Amino acid sequence: MSDPLYRRYQDGLDAYRQHTCTPPECTLSARCAEGQRLWDQFTRAQDAYLKRQRSQRPT
């Protein structure tokens, strides 16, 4: 069974990796407008997934 939240965060990373800029503007410290939008989507999904994972840990 696939976790939809995990899948969404992985799909976001895939979308960021697959986008293309002309000229290639995206680096680890600077991104084109589309790259920034995709990166923000990815990080929001990742944060939600990790927050849920932490909340499910036994205390």
PDB file of N, CA and C in Angstrom:
ATOM      1  N   MET A   1       0.839  -1.180   0.000  1.00  0.00           N
ATOM      2  CA  MET A   1       0.000   0.000   0.000  1.00  0.00           C
ATOM      3  C   MET A   1       0.886   1.245   0.000  1.00  0.00           C
ATOM      4  N   SER A   2       0.617   2.152  -0.896  1.00  0.00           N
ATOM      5  CA  SER A   2       1.416   3.359  -1.031  1.00  0.00           C
ATOM      6  C   SER A   2       0.822   4.488  -0.188  1.00  0.00           C
ATOM      7  N   ASP A   3       1.685   5.201   0.503  1.00  0.00           N
ATOM      8  CA  ASP A   3       1.279   6.338   1.325  1.00  0.00           C
ATOM      9  C   ASP A   3       1.106   7.552   0.414  1.00  0.00           C
ATOM     10  N   PRO A   4      -0.107   8.108   0.305  1.00  0.00           N
ATOM     11  CA  PRO A   4      -0.337   9.235  -0.608  1.00  0.00           C
ATOM     12  C   PRO A   4       0.511  10.474  -0.276  1.00  0.00           C
ATOM     13  N   LEU A   5       0.728  10.744   0.997  1.00  0.00           N
ATOM     14  CA  LEU A   5       1.529  11.902   1.373  1.00  0.00           C
ATOM     15  C   LEU A   5       2.991  11.709   0.975  1.00  0.00           C
ATOM     16  N   TYR A   6       3.508  10.513   1.186  1.00  0.00           N
ATOM     17  CA  TYR A   6       4.878  10.204   0.772  1.00  0.00           C
ATOM     18  C   TYR A   6       4.992  10.301  -0.754  1.00  0.00           C
ATOM     19  N   ARG A   7       4.013   9.744  -1.452  1.00  0.00           N
ATOM     20  CA  ARG A   7       4.029   9.766  -2.921  1.00  0.00           C
ATOM     21  C   ARG A   7       4.006  11.200  -3.435  1.00  0.00           C
ATOM     22  N   ARG A   8       3.199  12.066  -2.803  1.00  0.00           N
ATOM     23  CA  ARG A   8       3.102  13.459  -3.232  1.00  0.00           C
ATOM     24  C   ARG A   8       4.444  14.165  -3.061  1.00  0.00           C
ATOM     25  N   TYR A   9       5.106  13.882  -1.960  1.00  0.00           N
ATOM     26  CA  TYR A   9       6.399  14.544  -1.739  1.00  0.00           C
ATOM     27  C   TYR A   9       7.466  14.020  -2.706  1.00  0.00           C
ATOM     28  N   GLN A  10       7.446  12.737  -3.000  1.00  0.00           N
ATOM     29  CA  GLN A  10       8.394  12.192  -3.976  1.00  0.00           C
ATOM     30  C   GLN A  10       8.092  12.694  -5.387  1.00  0.00           C
ATOM     31  N   ASP A  11       6.803  12.799  -5.739  1.00  0.00           N
ATOM     32  CA  ASP A  11       6.422  13.328  -7.049  1.00  0.00           C
ATOM     33  C   ASP A  11       6.853  14.783  -7.198  1.00  0.00           C
ATOM     34  N   GLY A  12       6.777  15.532  -6.104  1.00  0.00           N
ATOM     35  CA  GLY A  12       7.226  16.933  -6.139  1.00  0.00           C
ATOM     36  C   GLY A  12       8.710  17.041  -6.433  1.00  0.00           C
ATOM     37  N   LEU A  13       9.499  16.172  -5.819  1.00  0.00           N
ATOM     38  CA  LEU A  13      10.937  16.176  -6.080  1.00  0.00           C
ATOM     39  C   LEU A  13      11.217  15.776  -7.528  1.00  0.00           C
ATOM     40  N   ASP A  14      10.513  14.769  -8.021  1.00  0.00           N
ATOM     41  CA  ASP A  14      10.680  14.352  -9.416  1.00  0.00           C
ATOM     42  C   ASP A  14      10.350  15.496 -10.376  1.00  0.00           C
ATOM     43  N   ALA A  15       9.262  16.213 -10.100  1.00  0.00           N
ATOM     44  CA  ALA A  15       8.867  17.331 -10.969  1.00  0.00           C
ATOM     45  C   ALA A  15       9.949  18.404 -10.978  1.00  0.00           C
ATOM     46  N   TYR A  16      10.512  18.709  -9.813  1.00  0.00           N
ATOM     47  CA  TYR A  16      11.580  19.710  -9.759  1.00  0.00           C
ATOM     48  C   TYR A  16      12.799  19.238 -10.565  1.00  0.00           C
ATOM     49  N   ARG A  17      13.178  18.001 -10.380  1.00  0.00           N
ATOM     50  CA  ARG A  17      14.362  17.478 -11.080  1.00  0.00           C
ATOM     51  C   ARG A  17      14.169  17.456 -12.595  1.00  0.00           C
ATOM     52  N   GLN A  18      12.928  17.260 -13.046  1.00  0.00           N
ATOM     53  CA  GLN A  18      12.676  17.122 -14.475  1.00  0.00           C
ATOM     54  C   GLN A  18      12.429  18.451 -15.191  1.00  0.00           C
ATOM     55  N   HIS A  19      12.182  19.525 -14.434  1.00  0.00           N
ATOM     56  CA  HIS A  19      11.903  20.788 -15.114  1.00  0.00           C
ATOM     57  C   HIS A  19      13.185  21.304 -15.781  1.00  0.00           C
ATOM     58  N   THR A  20      12.998  22.078 -16.805  1.00  0.00           N
ATOM     59  CA  THR A  20      14.141  22.620 -17.535  1.00  0.00           C
ATOM     60  C   THR A  20      14.021  24.132 -17.629  1.00  0.00           C
ATOM     61  N   CYS A  21      15.137  24.795 -17.542  1.00  0.00           N
ATOM     62  CA  CYS A  21      15.217  26.249 -17.693  1.00  0.00           C
ATOM     63  C   CYS A  21      16.051  26.530 -18.940  1.00  0.00           C
ATOM     64  N   THR A  22      15.759  27.636 -19.597  1.00  0.00           N
ATOM     65  CA  THR A  22      16.587  28.050 -20.721  1.00  0.00           C
ATOM     66  C   THR A  22      16.992  29.491 -20.493  1.00  0.00           C
ATOM     67  N   PRO A  23      18.226  29.807 -20.296  1.00  0.00           N
ATOM     68  CA  PRO A  23      19.342  28.904 -20.045  1.00  0.00           C
ATOM     69  C   PRO A  23      19.185  28.250 -18.666  1.00  0.00           C
ATOM     70  N   PRO A  24      19.926  27.187 -18.418  1.00  0.00           N
ATOM     71  CA  PRO A  24      19.795  26.519 -17.111  1.00  0.00           C
ATOM     72  C   PRO A  24      20.172  27.479 -15.977  1.00  0.00           C
ATOM     73  N   GLU A  25      19.173  27.940 -15.259  1.00  0.00           N
ATOM     74  CA  GLU A  25      19.378  28.931 -14.213  1.00  0.00           C
ATOM     75  C   GLU A  25      19.374  28.332 -12.818  1.00  0.00           C
ATOM     76  N   CYS A  26      18.788  27.179 -12.643  1.00  0.00           N
ATOM     77  CA  CYS A  26      18.608  26.627 -11.306  1.00  0.00           C
ATOM     78  C   CYS A  26      19.898  26.009 -10.767  1.00  0.00           C
ATOM     79  N   THR A  27      20.212  26.426  -9.557  1.00  0.00           N
ATOM     80  CA  THR A  27      21.333  25.848  -8.817  1.00  0.00           C
ATOM     81  C   THR A  27      20.809  25.521  -7.423  1.00  0.00           C
ATOM     82  N   LEU A  28      21.672  25.046  -6.547  1.00  0.00           N
ATOM     83  CA  LEU A  28      21.237  24.761  -5.183  1.00  0.00           C
ATOM     84  C   LEU A  28      20.873  26.023  -4.418  1.00  0.00           C
ATOM     85  N   SER A  29      21.421  27.161  -4.818  1.00  0.00           N
ATOM     86  CA  SER A  29      21.158  28.394  -4.083  1.00  0.00           C
ATOM     87  C   SER A  29      20.284  29.398  -4.826  1.00  0.00           C
ATOM     88  N   ALA A  30      20.026  29.188  -6.107  1.00  0.00           N
ATOM     89  CA  ALA A  30      19.200  30.110  -6.892  1.00  0.00           C
ATOM     90  C   ALA A  30      18.377  29.311  -7.894  1.00  0.00           C
ATOM     91  N   ARG A  31      17.110  29.704  -8.038  1.00  0.00           N
ATOM     92  CA  ARG A  31      16.220  28.971  -8.938  1.00  0.00           C
ATOM     93  C   ARG A  31      15.452  29.936  -9.835  1.00  0.00           C
ATOM     94  N   CYS A  32      15.080  29.452 -11.025  1.00  0.00           N
ATOM     95  CA  CYS A  32      14.211  30.220 -11.899  1.00  0.00           C
ATOM     96  C   CYS A  32      12.818  30.249 -11.251  1.00  0.00           C
ATOM     97  N   ALA A  33      11.901  31.045 -11.784  1.00  0.00           N
ATOM     98  CA  ALA A  33      10.567  31.176 -11.192  1.00  0.00           C
ATOM     99  C   ALA A  33       9.851  29.826 -11.127  1.00  0.00           C
ATOM    100  N   GLU A  34       9.881  29.080 -12.213  1.00  0.00           N
ATOM    101  CA  GLU A  34       9.229  27.765 -12.234  1.00  0.00           C
ATOM    102  C   GLU A  34       9.924  26.804 -11.281  1.00  0.00           C
ATOM    103  N   GLY A  35      11.241  26.819 -11.267  1.00  0.00           N
ATOM    104  CA  GLY A  35      11.991  25.961 -10.358  1.00  0.00           C
ATOM    105  C   GLY A  35      11.681  26.280  -8.911  1.00  0.00           C
ATOM    106  N   GLN A  36      11.545  27.559  -8.581  1.00  0.00           N
ATOM    107  CA  GLN A  36      11.215  27.950  -7.210  1.00  0.00           C
ATOM    108  C   GLN A  36       9.825  27.478  -6.830  1.00  0.00           C
ATOM    109  N   ARG A  37       8.873  27.606  -7.752  1.00  0.00           N
ATOM    110  CA  ARG A  37       7.508  27.142  -7.487  1.00  0.00           C
ATOM    111  C   ARG A  37       7.496  25.643  -7.215  1.00  0.00           C
ATOM    112  N   LEU A  38       8.191  24.878  -8.044  1.00  0.00           N
ATOM    113  CA  LEU A  38       8.253  23.429  -7.872  1.00  0.00           C
ATOM    114  C   LEU A  38       8.974  23.047  -6.583  1.00  0.00           C
ATOM    115  N   TRP A  39      10.054  23.763  -6.272  1.00  0.00           N
ATOM    116  CA  TRP A  39      10.811  23.486  -5.045  1.00  0.00           C
ATOM    117  C   TRP A  39       9.941  23.761  -3.811  1.00  0.00           C
ATOM    118  N   ASP A  40       9.183  24.855  -3.852  1.00  0.00           N
ATOM    119  CA  ASP A  40       8.298  25.186  -2.733  1.00  0.00           C
ATOM    120  C   ASP A  40       7.226  24.120  -2.544  1.00  0.00           C
ATOM    121  N   GLN A  41       6.665  23.630  -3.645  1.00  0.00           N
ATOM    122  CA  GLN A  41       5.678  22.549  -3.564  1.00  0.00           C
ATOM    123  C   GLN A  41       6.297  21.310  -2.917  1.00  0.00           C
ATOM    124  N   PHE A  42       7.476  20.959  -3.376  1.00  0.00           N
ATOM    125  CA  PHE A  42       8.174  19.798  -2.833  1.00  0.00           C
ATOM    126  C   PHE A  42       8.425  19.957  -1.336  1.00  0.00           C
ATOM    127  N   THR A  43       8.954  21.114  -0.923  1.00  0.00           N
ATOM    128  CA  THR A  43       9.305  21.274   0.492  1.00  0.00           C
ATOM    129  C   THR A  43       8.066  21.291   1.380  1.00  0.00           C
ATOM    130  N   ARG A  44       6.959  21.862   0.908  1.00  0.00           N
ATOM    131  CA  ARG A  44       5.724  21.825   1.700  1.00  0.00           C
ATOM    132  C   ARG A  44       5.240  20.394   1.884  1.00  0.00           C
ATOM    133  N   ALA A  45       5.268  19.598   0.811  1.00  0.00           N
ATOM    134  CA  ALA A  45       4.833  18.204   0.903  1.00  0.00           C
ATOM    135  C   ALA A  45       5.782  17.405   1.798  1.00  0.00           C
ATOM    136  N   GLN A  46       7.075  17.647   1.683  1.00  0.00           N
ATOM    137  CA  GLN A  46       8.045  16.946   2.516  1.00  0.00           C
ATOM    138  C   GLN A  46       7.846  17.311   3.988  1.00  0.00           C
ATOM    139  N   ASP A  47       7.653  18.586   4.265  1.00  0.00           N
ATOM    140  CA  ASP A  47       7.432  19.021   5.646  1.00  0.00           C
ATOM    141  C   ASP A  47       6.192  18.363   6.242  1.00  0.00           C
ATOM    142  N   ALA A  48       5.112  18.285   5.465  1.00  0.00           N
ATOM    143  CA  ALA A  48       3.880  17.653   5.953  1.00  0.00           C
ATOM    144  C   ALA A  48       4.116  16.177   6.240  1.00  0.00           C
ATOM    145  N   TYR A  49       4.815  15.502   5.353  1.00  0.00           N
ATOM    146  CA  TYR A  49       5.105  14.078   5.549  1.00  0.00           C
ATOM    147  C   TYR A  49       5.958  13.863   6.800  1.00  0.00           C
ATOM    148  N   LEU A  50       7.026  14.638   6.943  1.00  0.00           N
ATOM    149  CA  LEU A  50       7.918  14.471   8.096  1.00  0.00           C
ATOM    150  C   LEU A  50       7.221  14.836   9.404  1.00  0.00           C
ATOM    151  N   LYS A  51       6.371  15.847   9.371  1.00  0.00           N
ATOM    152  CA  LYS A  51       5.616  16.224  10.575  1.00  0.00           C
ATOM    153  C   LYS A  51       4.714  15.067  11.005  1.00  0.00           C
ATOM    154  N   ARG A  52       4.045  14.453  10.047  1.00  0.00           N
ATOM    155  CA  ARG A  52       3.185  13.313  10.369  1.00  0.00           C
ATOM    156  C   ARG A  52       4.009  12.143  10.907  1.00  0.00           C
ATOM    157  N   GLN A  53       5.161  11.886  10.296  1.00  0.00           N
ATOM    158  CA  GLN A  53       6.023  10.792  10.761  1.00  0.00           C
ATOM    159  C   GLN A  53       6.455  11.023  12.210  1.00  0.00           C
ATOM    160  N   ARG A  54       6.844  12.239  12.524  1.00  0.00           N
ATOM    161  CA  ARG A  54       7.267  12.551  13.888  1.00  0.00           C
ATOM    162  C   ARG A  54       6.121  12.393  14.879  1.00  0.00           C
ATOM    163  N   SER A  55       4.914  12.771  14.467  1.00  0.00           N
ATOM    164  CA  SER A  55       3.770  12.683  15.384  1.00  0.00           C
ATOM    165  C   SER A  55       3.367  11.239  15.651  1.00  0.00           C
ATOM    166  N   GLN A  56       3.769  10.324  14.798  1.00  0.00           N
ATOM    167  CA  GLN A  56       3.410   8.916  14.972  1.00  0.00           C
ATOM    168  C   GLN A  56       4.445   8.130  15.757  1.00  0.00           C
ATOM    169  N   ARG A  57       5.551   8.758  16.085  1.00  0.00           N
ATOM    170  CA  ARG A  57       6.594   8.082  16.876  1.00  0.00           C
ATOM    171  C   ARG A  57       6.112   7.895  18.311  1.00  0.00           C
ATOM    172  N   PRO A  58       6.447   6.754  18.890  1.00  0.00           N
ATOM    173  CA  PRO A  58       6.107   6.592  20.311  1.00  0.00           C
ATOM    174  C   PRO A  58       6.944   7.545  21.159  1.00  0.00           C
ATOM    175  N   THR A  59       6.361   8.034  22.219  1.00  0.00           N
ATOM    176  CA  THR A  59       7.089   8.969  23.096  1.00  0.00           C
ATOM    177  C   THR A  59       7.678   8.267  24.279  1.00  0.00           C
TER     178      THR A  59
END
